[in-house]
Amino acid sequence: MVLKNRMKDIVCYCDASFNESEKTCKAGMIIAGKKHRTVFKNVFTSTHAELLALRETLLIINKDEINHFTIKIDDRGIVRRLDDGKSLKGENREIYRLLMKDIRRLLKETESRVIWIKRNKNKADKLTR
C-alpha cells in the first residue's frame, strides 16, 4: 500500500505462532522498539494467527495515535492480498475476509503499510516462542 508524501516511517515487526492441538497462537509485536506479546484462543489456522497478530499490532498503533508505520511480517500471502485487494481463500475465508476488512480500515486510519520480509529477518519471531 503506497501512500503519497509519506513522512519517515517507524518500523514495526509482527509475527505469530500457531498451536494446532490447543487452537491458540502467540503473537509478538515490536512497535517503535517496544515489545508486546499476546495469546489468542480459538484460532483455526496459522493464517488466522497471523491476521490476529497483524490486527493487534494495528490496534496498538492506533491507540498510540502515531501514524506512518511500516509493519514487517513474514507471511507473503497476506501481504499479497493486502496489496491486490483480494480475499484469502480456504475453509475459513469468511473469518479471513472480516479480519482483512478490519486490517485495511486500520491501515488507512494509521497511514501504515505492510511489507513482506524473510522469517529470519523478522525480529518479532522470537517473541512467539
C-alpha atoms as a PDB file:
ATOM      1  CA  MET A   1       0.000   0.000   0.000  1.00  0.00           C
ATOM      2  CA  VAL A   2       1.782   3.075  -1.248  1.00  0.00           C
ATOM      3  CA  LEU A   3       0.848   6.437   0.179  1.00  0.00           C
ATOM      4  CA  LYS A   4       1.998   9.722  -1.334  1.00  0.00           C
ATOM      5  CA  ASN A   5       4.005  12.324   0.577  1.00  0.00           C
ATOM      6  CA  ARG A   6       4.933   9.941   3.373  1.00  0.00           C
ATOM      7  CA  MET A   7       6.926  11.060   6.357  1.00  0.00           C
ATOM      8  CA  LYS A   8       9.668   8.737   7.511  1.00  0.00           C
ATOM      9  CA  ASP A   9       8.027   5.544   8.736  1.00  0.00           C
ATOM     10  CA  ILE A  10       8.578   3.902  12.093  1.00  0.00           C
ATOM     11  CA  VAL A  11       9.401   0.231  11.556  1.00  0.00           C
ATOM     12  CA  CYS A  12       7.423  -2.464  13.365  1.00  0.00           C
ATOM     13  CA  TYR A  13       7.682  -6.241  13.288  1.00  0.00           C
ATOM     14  CA  CYS A  14       4.788  -8.638  13.710  1.00  0.00           C
ATOM     15  CA  ASP A  15       4.621 -12.441  13.903  1.00  0.00           C
ATOM     16  CA  ALA A  16       2.502 -15.281  15.247  1.00  0.00           C
ATOM     17  CA  SER A  17       2.967 -18.952  16.084  1.00  0.00           C
ATOM     18  CA  PHE A  18       0.024 -21.340  15.902  1.00  0.00           C
ATOM     19  CA  ASN A  19      -0.528 -24.302  18.247  1.00  0.00           C
ATOM     20  CA  GLU A  20      -2.901 -26.564  16.340  1.00  0.00           C
ATOM     21  CA  SER A  21      -3.599 -29.004  19.189  1.00  0.00           C
ATOM     22  CA  GLU A  22      -4.606 -26.214  21.610  1.00  0.00           C
ATOM     23  CA  LYS A  23      -6.091 -23.928  18.933  1.00  0.00           C
ATOM     24  CA  THR A  24      -4.121 -20.991  20.297  1.00  0.00           C
ATOM     25  CA  CYS A  25      -1.498 -18.632  18.986  1.00  0.00           C
ATOM     26  CA  LYS A  26       1.185 -16.458  20.450  1.00  0.00           C
ATOM     27  CA  ALA A  27       1.525 -13.092  18.780  1.00  0.00           C
ATOM     28  CA  GLY A  28       4.621 -10.973  19.065  1.00  0.00           C
ATOM     29  CA  MET A  29       4.979  -7.377  18.017  1.00  0.00           C
ATOM     30  CA  ILE A  30       7.817  -4.903  18.193  1.00  0.00           C
ATOM     31  CA  ILE A  31       6.293  -1.452  17.808  1.00  0.00           C
ATOM     32  CA  ALA A  32       8.594   1.551  17.877  1.00  0.00           C
ATOM     33  CA  GLY A  33      11.120  -0.544  19.796  1.00  0.00           C
ATOM     34  CA  LYS A  34       8.651  -1.746  22.449  1.00  0.00           C
ATOM     35  CA  LYS A  35       7.931  -5.465  22.725  1.00  0.00           C
ATOM     36  CA  HIS A  36       4.374  -6.739  23.039  1.00  0.00           C
ATOM     37  CA  ARG A  37       3.066 -10.293  23.420  1.00  0.00           C
ATOM     38  CA  THR A  38      -0.483 -11.576  23.224  1.00  0.00           C
ATOM     39  CA  VAL A  39      -2.082 -15.016  23.323  1.00  0.00           C
ATOM     40  CA  PHE A  40      -5.247 -15.689  21.339  1.00  0.00           C
ATOM     41  CA  LYS A  41      -7.613 -18.620  21.870  1.00  0.00           C
ATOM     42  CA  ASN A  42      -9.968 -20.292  19.377  1.00  0.00           C
ATOM     43  CA  VAL A  43      -7.535 -19.892  16.496  1.00  0.00           C
ATOM     44  CA  PHE A  44      -8.211 -22.070  13.439  1.00  0.00           C
ATOM     45  CA  THR A  45      -5.077 -21.849  11.271  1.00  0.00           C
ATOM     46  CA  SER A  46      -1.657 -20.258  11.062  1.00  0.00           C
ATOM     47  CA  THR A  47      -3.121 -17.690   8.636  1.00  0.00           C
ATOM     48  CA  HIS A  48      -5.785 -16.846  11.216  1.00  0.00           C
ATOM     49  CA  ALA A  49      -2.984 -16.417  13.789  1.00  0.00           C
ATOM     50  CA  GLU A  50      -1.006 -14.081  11.519  1.00  0.00           C
ATOM     51  CA  LEU A  51      -4.087 -11.969  10.798  1.00  0.00           C
ATOM     52  CA  LEU A  52      -4.896 -11.674  14.509  1.00  0.00           C
ATOM     53  CA  ALA A  53      -1.305 -10.597  15.235  1.00  0.00           C
ATOM     54  CA  LEU A  54      -1.366  -8.016  12.453  1.00  0.00           C
ATOM     55  CA  ARG A  55      -4.707  -6.586  13.606  1.00  0.00           C
ATOM     56  CA  GLU A  56      -3.434  -6.429  17.209  1.00  0.00           C
ATOM     57  CA  THR A  57      -0.351  -4.547  16.003  1.00  0.00           C
ATOM     58  CA  LEU A  58      -2.553  -2.034  14.220  1.00  0.00           C
ATOM     59  CA  LEU A  59      -4.834  -1.646  17.246  1.00  0.00           C
ATOM     60  CA  ILE A  60      -1.810  -0.819  19.417  1.00  0.00           C
ATOM     61  CA  ILE A  61      -0.538   1.652  16.825  1.00  0.00           C
ATOM     62  CA  ASN A  62      -3.990   3.223  16.581  1.00  0.00           C
ATOM     63  CA  LYS A  63      -4.249   3.585  20.362  1.00  0.00           C
ATOM     64  CA  ASP A  64      -0.897   5.409  20.457  1.00  0.00           C
ATOM     65  CA  GLU A  65      -2.181   7.789  17.772  1.00  0.00           C
ATOM     66  CA  ILE A  66       1.106   7.636  15.892  1.00  0.00           C
ATOM     67  CA  ASN A  67       0.989   7.468  12.099  1.00  0.00           C
ATOM     68  CA  HIS A  68       3.356   6.419   9.343  1.00  0.00           C
ATOM     69  CA  PHE A  69       4.362   2.896  10.303  1.00  0.00           C
ATOM     70  CA  THR A  70       5.876   0.206   8.143  1.00  0.00           C
ATOM     71  CA  ILE A  71       4.883  -3.162   9.550  1.00  0.00           C
ATOM     72  CA  LYS A  72       7.111  -6.048   8.529  1.00  0.00           C
ATOM     73  CA  ILE A  73       5.640  -9.556   8.505  1.00  0.00           C
ATOM     74  CA  ASP A  74       6.827 -12.878   7.105  1.00  0.00           C
ATOM     75  CA  ASP A  75       3.531 -14.039   5.584  1.00  0.00           C
ATOM     76  CA  ARG A  76       3.812 -13.295   1.877  1.00  0.00           C
ATOM     77  CA  GLY A  77       0.216 -14.365   1.146  1.00  0.00           C
ATOM     78  CA  ILE A  78      -1.275 -11.794   3.496  1.00  0.00           C
ATOM     79  CA  VAL A  79       0.903  -9.012   2.099  1.00  0.00           C
ATOM     80  CA  ARG A  80      -0.007 -10.014  -1.459  1.00  0.00           C
ATOM     81  CA  ARG A  81      -3.751  -9.966  -0.662  1.00  0.00           C
ATOM     82  CA  LEU A  82      -3.486  -6.599   1.098  1.00  0.00           C
ATOM     83  CA  ASP A  83      -1.713  -5.169  -1.952  1.00  0.00           C
ATOM     84  CA  ASP A  84      -4.056  -6.588  -4.583  1.00  0.00           C
ATOM     85  CA  GLY A  85      -7.270  -6.056  -2.598  1.00  0.00           C
ATOM     86  CA  LYS A  86      -8.359  -9.669  -2.967  1.00  0.00           C
ATOM     87  CA  SER A  87      -9.536 -12.084  -0.288  1.00  0.00           C
ATOM     88  CA  LEU A  88      -7.732 -15.030   1.252  1.00  0.00           C
ATOM     89  CA  LYS A  89      -9.060 -18.455   0.332  1.00  0.00           C
ATOM     90  CA  GLY A  90      -9.747 -21.541   2.420  1.00  0.00           C
ATOM     91  CA  GLU A  91     -12.499 -23.004   4.542  1.00  0.00           C
ATOM     92  CA  ASN A  92     -12.150 -20.080   6.994  1.00  0.00           C
ATOM     93  CA  ARG A  93     -12.340 -17.457   4.249  1.00  0.00           C
ATOM     94  CA  GLU A  94     -15.265 -15.612   5.896  1.00  0.00           C
ATOM     95  CA  ILE A  95     -13.229 -15.100   9.084  1.00  0.00           C
ATOM     96  CA  TYR A  96     -10.234 -14.059   6.958  1.00  0.00           C
ATOM     97  CA  ARG A  97     -12.422 -11.631   4.981  1.00  0.00           C
ATOM     98  CA  LEU A  98     -13.670  -9.916   8.135  1.00  0.00           C
ATOM     99  CA  LEU A  99     -10.166  -9.647   9.603  1.00  0.00           C
ATOM    100  CA  MET A 100      -8.736  -8.343   6.311  1.00  0.00           C
ATOM    101  CA  LYS A 101     -11.514  -5.738   6.122  1.00  0.00           C
ATOM    102  CA  ASP A 102     -10.660  -4.533   9.626  1.00  0.00           C
ATOM    103  CA  ILE A 103      -6.918  -4.580   8.883  1.00  0.00           C
ATOM    104  CA  ARG A 104      -7.422  -2.499   5.731  1.00  0.00           C
ATOM    105  CA  ARG A 105      -9.501   0.018   7.712  1.00  0.00           C
ATOM    106  CA  LEU A 106      -6.834   0.270  10.414  1.00  0.00           C
ATOM    107  CA  LEU A 107      -4.080   0.648   7.808  1.00  0.00           C
ATOM    108  CA  LYS A 108      -5.890   3.650   6.346  1.00  0.00           C
ATOM    109  CA  GLU A 109      -6.519   5.184   9.778  1.00  0.00           C
ATOM    110  CA  THR A 110      -2.871   4.900  10.802  1.00  0.00           C
ATOM    111  CA  GLU A 111      -1.398   5.644   7.368  1.00  0.00           C
ATOM    112  CA  SER A 112       0.598   2.439   7.750  1.00  0.00           C
ATOM    113  CA  ARG A 113       1.727  -0.142   5.273  1.00  0.00           C
ATOM    114  CA  VAL A 114       2.624  -3.815   5.500  1.00  0.00           C
ATOM    115  CA  ILE A 115       5.606  -5.331   3.724  1.00  0.00           C
ATOM    116  CA  TRP A 116       6.937  -8.868   3.496  1.00  0.00           C
ATOM    117  CA  ILE A 117      10.297  -9.886   4.943  1.00  0.00           C
ATOM    118  CA  LYS A 118      12.024 -13.232   5.279  1.00  0.00           C
ATOM    119  CA  ARG A 119      11.303 -15.100   8.510  1.00  0.00           C
ATOM    120  CA  ASN A 120      14.940 -14.886   9.647  1.00  0.00           C
ATOM    121  CA  LYS A 121      14.718 -11.067   9.379  1.00  0.00           C
ATOM    122  CA  ASN A 122      11.543 -10.827  11.465  1.00  0.00           C
ATOM    123  CA  LYS A 123      12.624  -9.574  14.900  1.00  0.00           C
ATOM    124  CA  ALA A 124       9.201 -10.450  16.367  1.00  0.00           C
ATOM    125  CA  ASP A 125       9.683 -14.159  15.621  1.00  0.00           C
ATOM    126  CA  LYS A 126      11.488 -14.746  18.949  1.00  0.00           C
ATOM    127  CA  LEU A 127       8.543 -13.273  20.874  1.00  0.00           C
ATOM    128  CA  THR A 128       6.195 -16.002  19.637  1.00  0.00           C
ATOM    129  CA  ARG A 129       8.074 -18.940  21.156  1.00  0.00           C
END
